[in-house]
Amino acid sequence: MMSAVRLTTDERYLQGMTRAKRYANYAGGRKYNSETGKEIVKSEEHAGAKEKLEASIIFRTAWETAKKHDGYLQKKQRFLAEQRQWKKMQATETTPKI
């Protein structure tokens, strides 16, 4: 069985663009106020915003390239099939027996 942890880790790296983008949009990377829970207004120009935006573009390019790679697509399909099988097993194990 393919390691779900490995696929998740790889995807998280490739999707680092979301974190870089958040830091580009919000000073300090916080989207919500920790006290009120309300969304903070996006910051147009703060220290490091330009660099974070450039980083998000680099991550996005790597992610888009990886999504088209044959090896990645094969592993993803295998992972998804195994995940569906696992979910079926979990559903039958948790179904109460009458």
C-alpha atoms as a PDB file:
ATOM      1  CA  MET A   1       0.000   0.000   0.000  1.00  0.00           C
ATOM      2  CA  MET A   2       1.311   3.425  -0.947  1.00  0.00           C
ATOM      3  CA  SER A   3       2.116   5.676   1.944  1.00  0.00           C
ATOM      4  CA  ALA A   4      -0.658   8.221   2.435  1.00  0.00           C
ATOM      5  CA  VAL A   5       1.750  10.222   4.561  1.00  0.00           C
ATOM      6  CA  ARG A   6       4.236  10.440   1.688  1.00  0.00           C
ATOM      7  CA  LEU A   7       1.666  11.618  -0.852  1.00  0.00           C
ATOM      8  CA  THR A   8       0.278  14.143   1.605  1.00  0.00           C
ATOM      9  CA  THR A   9       3.746  15.475   2.392  1.00  0.00           C
ATOM     10  CA  ASP A  10       4.592  15.857  -1.287  1.00  0.00           C
ATOM     11  CA  GLU A  11       1.325  17.601  -1.990  1.00  0.00           C
ATOM     12  CA  ARG A  12       1.786  19.929   0.967  1.00  0.00           C
ATOM     13  CA  TYR A  13       5.203  20.945  -0.335  1.00  0.00           C
ATOM     14  CA  LEU A  14       3.881  21.541  -3.807  1.00  0.00           C
ATOM     15  CA  GLN A  15       0.943  23.483  -2.437  1.00  0.00           C
ATOM     16  CA  GLY A  16       3.263  25.747  -0.467  1.00  0.00           C
ATOM     17  CA  MET A  17       2.017  28.424  -2.805  1.00  0.00           C
ATOM     18  CA  THR A  18      -1.054  28.825  -0.608  1.00  0.00           C
ATOM     19  CA  ARG A  19       1.048  29.682   2.410  1.00  0.00           C
ATOM     20  CA  ALA A  20       3.321  31.986   0.412  1.00  0.00           C
ATOM     21  CA  LYS A  21       0.265  33.635  -1.119  1.00  0.00           C
ATOM     22  CA  ARG A  22      -1.304  34.157   2.320  1.00  0.00           C
ATOM     23  CA  TYR A  23       1.898  35.821   3.555  1.00  0.00           C
ATOM     24  CA  ALA A  24       1.882  37.981   0.410  1.00  0.00           C
ATOM     25  CA  ASN A  25      -1.717  39.035   1.062  1.00  0.00           C
ATOM     26  CA  TYR A  26      -1.595  39.458   4.842  1.00  0.00           C
ATOM     27  CA  ALA A  27       1.190  40.969   6.906  1.00  0.00           C
ATOM     28  CA  GLY A  28       2.330  38.222   9.283  1.00  0.00           C
ATOM     29  CA  GLY A  29       0.352  35.610   7.340  1.00  0.00           C
ATOM     30  CA  ARG A  30      -2.720  35.866   9.558  1.00  0.00           C
ATOM     31  CA  LYS A  31      -5.991  35.923   7.640  1.00  0.00           C
ATOM     32  CA  TYR A  32      -8.218  36.135  10.716  1.00  0.00           C
ATOM     33  CA  ASN A  33      -8.028  38.220  13.876  1.00  0.00           C
ATOM     34  CA  SER A  34      -7.219  35.841  16.736  1.00  0.00           C
ATOM     35  CA  GLU A  35      -9.423  37.737  19.191  1.00  0.00           C
ATOM     36  CA  THR A  36     -12.523  38.405  17.078  1.00  0.00           C
ATOM     37  CA  GLY A  37     -12.230  35.668  14.464  1.00  0.00           C
ATOM     38  CA  LYS A  38     -13.063  38.189  11.754  1.00  0.00           C
ATOM     39  CA  GLU A  39     -11.161  38.272   8.480  1.00  0.00           C
ATOM     40  CA  ILE A  40      -8.390  40.845   8.314  1.00  0.00           C
ATOM     41  CA  VAL A  41      -8.308  43.230   5.369  1.00  0.00           C
ATOM     42  CA  LYS A  42      -5.692  42.250   2.785  1.00  0.00           C
ATOM     43  CA  SER A  43      -2.502  44.263   2.946  1.00  0.00           C
ATOM     44  CA  GLU A  44      -1.449  45.721  -0.402  1.00  0.00           C
ATOM     45  CA  GLU A  45       2.136  46.591   0.437  1.00  0.00           C
ATOM     46  CA  HIS A  46       3.930  45.304   3.499  1.00  0.00           C
ATOM     47  CA  ALA A  47       7.488  44.165   4.101  1.00  0.00           C
ATOM     48  CA  GLY A  48       8.197  41.005   2.124  1.00  0.00           C
ATOM     49  CA  ALA A  49       4.906  40.979   0.192  1.00  0.00           C
ATOM     50  CA  LYS A  50       6.586  41.074  -3.223  1.00  0.00           C
ATOM     51  CA  GLU A  51       8.987  38.244  -2.340  1.00  0.00           C
ATOM     52  CA  LYS A  52       6.162  36.086  -0.958  1.00  0.00           C
ATOM     53  CA  LEU A  53       4.120  36.640  -4.120  1.00  0.00           C
ATOM     54  CA  GLU A  54       7.111  35.593  -6.241  1.00  0.00           C
ATOM     55  CA  ALA A  55       7.534  32.493  -4.060  1.00  0.00           C
ATOM     56  CA  SER A  56       3.876  31.571  -4.514  1.00  0.00           C
ATOM     57  CA  ILE A  57       4.314  31.786  -8.298  1.00  0.00           C
ATOM     58  CA  ILE A  58       7.342  29.465  -8.105  1.00  0.00           C
ATOM     59  CA  PHE A  59       5.386  26.962  -5.982  1.00  0.00           C
ATOM     60  CA  ARG A  60       2.396  27.181  -8.335  1.00  0.00           C
ATOM     61  CA  THR A  61       4.587  26.481 -11.380  1.00  0.00           C
ATOM     62  CA  ALA A  62       6.158  23.441  -9.669  1.00  0.00           C
ATOM     63  CA  TRP A  63       2.729  22.181  -8.599  1.00  0.00           C
ATOM     64  CA  GLU A  64       1.241  22.554 -12.089  1.00  0.00           C
ATOM     65  CA  THR A  65       4.248  20.719 -13.586  1.00  0.00           C
ATOM     66  CA  ALA A  66       4.022  17.889 -11.042  1.00  0.00           C
ATOM     67  CA  LYS A  67       0.286  17.429 -11.612  1.00  0.00           C
ATOM     68  CA  LYS A  68       1.023  16.555 -15.255  1.00  0.00           C
ATOM     69  CA  HIS A  69       3.896  14.119 -14.539  1.00  0.00           C
ATOM     70  CA  ASP A  70       3.050  10.506 -15.470  1.00  0.00           C
ATOM     71  CA  GLY A  71       4.599   9.055 -12.318  1.00  0.00           C
ATOM     72  CA  TYR A  72       2.648  11.436 -10.118  1.00  0.00           C
ATOM     73  CA  LEU A  73      -0.609  10.697 -11.934  1.00  0.00           C
ATOM     74  CA  GLN A  74      -0.114   6.932 -11.595  1.00  0.00           C
ATOM     75  CA  LYS A  75       0.705   7.174  -7.902  1.00  0.00           C
ATOM     76  CA  LYS A  76      -2.204   9.503  -7.300  1.00  0.00           C
ATOM     77  CA  GLN A  77      -4.642   7.120  -8.999  1.00  0.00           C
ATOM     78  CA  ARG A  78      -3.286   4.198  -6.970  1.00  0.00           C
ATOM     79  CA  PHE A  79      -3.509   6.223  -3.778  1.00  0.00           C
ATOM     80  CA  LEU A  80      -7.096   7.284  -4.474  1.00  0.00           C
ATOM     81  CA  ALA A  81      -8.124   3.685  -5.244  1.00  0.00           C
ATOM     82  CA  GLU A  82      -6.545   2.492  -1.996  1.00  0.00           C
ATOM     83  CA  GLN A  83      -8.174   5.349  -0.117  1.00  0.00           C
ATOM     84  CA  ARG A  84     -11.615   4.377  -1.467  1.00  0.00           C
ATOM     85  CA  GLN A  85     -10.983   0.769  -0.464  1.00  0.00           C
ATOM     86  CA  TRP A  86      -9.899   1.826   3.018  1.00  0.00           C
ATOM     87  CA  LYS A  87     -13.007   3.998   3.442  1.00  0.00           C
ATOM     88  CA  LYS A  88     -15.215   1.062   2.433  1.00  0.00           C
ATOM     89  CA  MET A  89     -13.479  -1.128   4.999  1.00  0.00           C
ATOM     90  CA  GLN A  90     -13.931   1.540   7.683  1.00  0.00           C
ATOM     91  CA  ALA A  91     -17.619   1.889   6.846  1.00  0.00           C
ATOM     92  CA  THR A  92     -18.240  -1.848   7.149  1.00  0.00           C
ATOM     93  CA  GLU A  93     -16.272  -2.076  10.405  1.00  0.00           C
ATOM     94  CA  THR A  94     -18.237   0.742  12.018  1.00  0.00           C
ATOM     95  CA  THR A  95     -21.660  -0.381  10.793  1.00  0.00           C
ATOM     96  CA  PRO A  96     -23.575  -1.816  13.755  1.00  0.00           C
ATOM     97  CA  LYS A  97     -24.420  -5.492  13.427  1.00  0.00           C
ATOM     98  CA  ILE A  98     -28.001  -6.391  14.193  1.00  0.00           C
END
